[in-house]
Amino acid sequence: MSWNYQIIKHGDEDFRLHEVHKDESGRVHSWTANAELTGTSMHDIHSQLKRMLNDVQRRHVLKIEDLPQSENEEDTHSADTTS
């Protein structure tokens, strides 16, 4: 088995980047329920990926313990890793 990132089109203007898992013959057998990226077009996804790559190359790594505690844990991760 193998996996890679692939865009899955959900409707007319809803593109989402997912992890796609394939069997030995290369056929898709599963994908992540939550998209890694979403956009309204292929261009939108491409632009986001370019920005992500640029940011990763230019910025330092953050340490989770140095970040403030999140007030909204549904949208962001917090330093609490006990769950």
Protein backbone atom coordinates (compact mmCIF):
# COMPACT_ATOMS: atom_id res chain seq x y z
CA MET A 1 0.00 0.00 0.00
CA SER A 2 0.99 3.60 -0.54
CA TRP A 3 -0.44 7.06 -0.07
CA ASN A 4 -0.02 10.57 -1.43
CA TYR A 5 -1.77 13.93 -1.39
CA GLN A 6 -4.40 14.39 -4.09
CA ILE A 7 -7.11 16.93 -4.76
CA ILE A 8 -10.65 15.55 -4.61
CA LYS A 9 -13.42 17.62 -6.17
CA HIS A 10 -16.52 17.82 -3.94
CA GLY A 11 -19.20 19.47 -6.09
CA ASP A 12 -18.75 22.19 -8.70
CA GLU A 13 -16.51 24.67 -6.85
CA ASP A 14 -15.21 22.78 -3.84
CA PHE A 15 -11.70 21.37 -4.20
CA ARG A 16 -10.00 19.68 -1.23
CA LEU A 17 -6.52 18.25 -0.76
CA HIS A 18 -6.65 14.87 1.00
CA GLU A 19 -4.33 12.03 1.87
CA VAL A 20 -5.31 9.27 -0.58
CA HIS A 21 -4.41 5.66 0.24
CA LYS A 22 -3.94 3.13 -2.57
CA ASP A 23 -3.63 -0.63 -2.73
CA GLU A 24 -0.78 -2.54 -4.39
CA SER A 25 -2.34 -2.12 -7.84
CA GLY A 26 -2.61 1.67 -7.42
CA ARG A 27 -6.37 1.81 -6.88
CA VAL A 28 -7.76 4.22 -4.30
CA HIS A 29 -9.15 2.39 -1.29
CA SER A 30 -9.45 5.22 1.25
CA TRP A 31 -8.82 8.89 1.89
CA THR A 32 -8.77 11.18 4.92
CA ALA A 33 -12.16 12.47 6.02
CA ASN A 34 -10.82 15.96 6.73
CA ALA A 35 -9.11 17.81 3.92
CA GLU A 36 -5.62 19.23 4.37
CA LEU A 37 -6.54 22.24 2.16
CA THR A 38 -9.75 23.48 0.56
CA GLY A 39 -10.42 25.95 -2.24
CA THR A 40 -12.85 27.00 -4.94
CA SER A 41 -10.55 26.01 -7.83
CA MET A 42 -7.37 24.18 -8.71
CA HIS A 43 -5.63 27.58 -8.91
CA ASP A 44 -6.75 28.36 -5.35
CA ILE A 45 -5.21 25.11 -4.03
CA HIS A 46 -2.02 25.72 -6.02
CA SER A 47 -1.70 29.26 -4.64
CA GLN A 48 -2.13 28.03 -1.08
CA LEU A 49 0.52 25.34 -1.58
CA LYS A 50 2.98 27.89 -2.97
CA ARG A 51 2.38 30.14 0.03
CA MET A 52 2.80 27.22 2.42
CA LEU A 53 6.10 26.19 0.81
CA ASN A 54 7.34 29.79 0.86
CA ASP A 55 6.40 30.19 4.53
CA VAL A 56 8.05 26.91 5.57
CA GLN A 57 11.26 27.87 3.80
CA ARG A 58 11.40 31.36 5.34
CA ARG A 59 10.12 30.91 8.87
CA HIS A 60 11.50 29.18 11.95
CA VAL A 61 9.87 26.23 13.65
CA LEU A 62 7.54 27.07 16.54
CA LYS A 63 7.58 25.07 19.76
CA ILE A 64 4.14 24.11 21.03
CA GLU A 65 5.17 24.79 24.62
CA ASP A 66 6.05 28.40 23.71
CA LEU A 67 2.60 29.16 22.26
CA PRO A 68 -0.26 30.67 24.27
CA GLN A 69 -3.05 28.37 25.46
CA SER A 70 -5.88 28.30 22.94
CA GLU A 71 -9.30 29.61 23.94
CA ASN A 72 -11.04 27.80 21.08
CA GLU A 73 -9.72 24.25 20.99
CA GLU A 74 -12.07 23.24 18.16
CA ASP A 75 -10.28 25.46 15.65
CA THR A 76 -6.72 25.30 16.95
CA HIS A 77 -4.43 22.98 18.86
CA SER A 78 -3.36 23.81 22.36
CA ALA A 79 -0.32 22.95 24.41
CA ASP A 80 -2.41 20.36 26.31
CA THR A 81 -1.48 17.02 24.75
CA THR A 82 -3.03 14.74 27.37
CA SER A 83 -6.05 13.78 25.25
